[in-house]
Amino acid sequence: MAALRYQAADRERRYKAPLGMILPAVSLILVGYTVYWTAWDTNSIVFLVALGGLALLAISRLYDRENNEP
């Protein structure tokens, strides 16, 4: 959200979130504390889920690329 504020500042938006520059910073800090304070068991599950999501994203992009070729 913060990156879009800078990269596409002149783009029209239907909704502009309040605290648009503070919310991403606070959420990054909270996620960092969550990873730091939880045990390895929780972190390993979160990391595995993230890797699974990355694999699904890669598969969907490959599938989309194959179907959209002329």
C-alpha atoms as a PDB file:
ATOM      1  CA  MET A   1       0.000   0.000   0.000  1.00  0.00           C
ATOM      2  CA  ALA A   2       2.818   2.385   0.823  1.00  0.00           C
ATOM      3  CA  ALA A   3       4.627   1.532  -2.412  1.00  0.00           C
ATOM      4  CA  LEU A   4       1.525   2.290  -4.483  1.00  0.00           C
ATOM      5  CA  ARG A   5       1.202   5.668  -2.802  1.00  0.00           C
ATOM      6  CA  TYR A   6       4.574   6.591  -4.286  1.00  0.00           C
ATOM      7  CA  GLN A   7       4.554   4.617  -7.546  1.00  0.00           C
ATOM      8  CA  ALA A   8       1.030   5.501  -8.663  1.00  0.00           C
ATOM      9  CA  ALA A   9       0.295   8.666  -6.731  1.00  0.00           C
ATOM     10  CA  ASP A  10      -1.790  10.245  -9.513  1.00  0.00           C
ATOM     11  CA  ARG A  11      -3.913   7.131 -10.128  1.00  0.00           C
ATOM     12  CA  GLU A  12      -7.604   7.451  -9.315  1.00  0.00           C
ATOM     13  CA  ARG A  13      -8.778   5.237  -6.462  1.00  0.00           C
ATOM     14  CA  ARG A  14     -12.297   4.359  -5.386  1.00  0.00           C
ATOM     15  CA  TYR A  15     -11.256   4.142  -1.766  1.00  0.00           C
ATOM     16  CA  LYS A  16      -8.327   5.722  -0.003  1.00  0.00           C
ATOM     17  CA  ALA A  17      -7.477   4.035   3.281  1.00  0.00           C
ATOM     18  CA  PRO A  18      -7.030   6.279   6.273  1.00  0.00           C
ATOM     19  CA  LEU A  19      -3.547   6.283   7.814  1.00  0.00           C
ATOM     20  CA  GLY A  20      -2.189   5.055   4.502  1.00  0.00           C
ATOM     21  CA  MET A  21       1.467   5.572   5.404  1.00  0.00           C
ATOM     22  CA  ILE A  22       1.245   4.571   9.064  1.00  0.00           C
ATOM     23  CA  LEU A  23      -0.718   1.334   8.679  1.00  0.00           C
ATOM     24  CA  PRO A  24       1.913  -0.511   6.569  1.00  0.00           C
ATOM     25  CA  ALA A  25       4.697   0.472   8.977  1.00  0.00           C
ATOM     26  CA  VAL A  26       2.763  -0.629  12.056  1.00  0.00           C
ATOM     27  CA  SER A  27       1.740  -3.907  10.435  1.00  0.00           C
ATOM     28  CA  LEU A  28       5.350  -4.651   9.464  1.00  0.00           C
ATOM     29  CA  ILE A  29       6.463  -4.084  13.046  1.00  0.00           C
ATOM     30  CA  LEU A  30       3.670  -6.274  14.428  1.00  0.00           C
ATOM     31  CA  VAL A  31       4.481  -9.097  12.016  1.00  0.00           C
ATOM     32  CA  GLY A  32       8.138  -8.860  12.975  1.00  0.00           C
ATOM     33  CA  TYR A  33       7.264  -9.143  16.668  1.00  0.00           C
ATOM     34  CA  THR A  34       4.945 -12.060  15.962  1.00  0.00           C
ATOM     35  CA  VAL A  35       7.695 -13.980  14.197  1.00  0.00           C
ATOM     36  CA  TYR A  36      10.194 -13.080  16.931  1.00  0.00           C
ATOM     37  CA  TRP A  37       7.975 -14.012  19.885  1.00  0.00           C
ATOM     38  CA  THR A  38       6.435 -17.233  18.602  1.00  0.00           C
ATOM     39  CA  ALA A  39       8.096 -20.591  18.940  1.00  0.00           C
ATOM     40  CA  TRP A  40       9.835 -22.340  16.070  1.00  0.00           C
ATOM     41  CA  ASP A  41       6.885 -24.728  15.707  1.00  0.00           C
ATOM     42  CA  THR A  42       4.592 -21.863  14.736  1.00  0.00           C
ATOM     43  CA  ASN A  43       7.155 -20.190  12.492  1.00  0.00           C
ATOM     44  CA  SER A  44       7.920 -23.400  10.613  1.00  0.00           C
ATOM     45  CA  ILE A  45       4.220 -23.864   9.815  1.00  0.00           C
ATOM     46  CA  VAL A  46       3.912 -20.257   8.640  1.00  0.00           C
ATOM     47  CA  PHE A  47       7.009 -20.613   6.455  1.00  0.00           C
ATOM     48  CA  LEU A  48       5.714 -23.854   4.928  1.00  0.00           C
ATOM     49  CA  VAL A  49       2.360 -22.244   4.149  1.00  0.00           C
ATOM     50  CA  ALA A  50       4.149 -19.282   2.545  1.00  0.00           C
ATOM     51  CA  LEU A  51       6.270 -21.620   0.415  1.00  0.00           C
ATOM     52  CA  GLY A  52       3.131 -23.491  -0.608  1.00  0.00           C
ATOM     53  CA  GLY A  53       1.533 -20.224  -1.658  1.00  0.00           C
ATOM     54  CA  LEU A  54       4.634 -19.316  -3.639  1.00  0.00           C
ATOM     55  CA  ALA A  55       4.489 -22.680  -5.414  1.00  0.00           C
ATOM     56  CA  LEU A  56       0.801 -22.169  -6.248  1.00  0.00           C
ATOM     57  CA  LEU A  57       1.562 -18.690  -7.581  1.00  0.00           C
ATOM     58  CA  ALA A  58       4.353 -20.041  -9.793  1.00  0.00           C
ATOM     59  CA  ILE A  59       2.117 -22.840 -11.123  1.00  0.00           C
ATOM     60  CA  SER A  60      -0.742 -20.434 -11.845  1.00  0.00           C
ATOM     61  CA  ARG A  61       1.583 -18.045 -13.701  1.00  0.00           C
ATOM     62  CA  LEU A  62       3.005 -20.872 -15.791  1.00  0.00           C
ATOM     63  CA  TYR A  63      -0.492 -22.155 -16.546  1.00  0.00           C
ATOM     64  CA  ASP A  64      -1.668 -18.652 -17.454  1.00  0.00           C
ATOM     65  CA  ARG A  65       1.364 -18.079 -19.688  1.00  0.00           C
ATOM     66  CA  GLU A  66       0.723 -21.336 -21.574  1.00  0.00           C
ATOM     67  CA  ASN A  67      -2.951 -20.520 -22.157  1.00  0.00           C
ATOM     68  CA  ASN A  68      -2.413 -16.917 -23.296  1.00  0.00           C
ATOM     69  CA  GLU A  69       0.187 -17.532 -26.001  1.00  0.00           C
ATOM     70  CA  PRO A  70      -1.013 -16.623 -29.513  1.00  0.00           C
END
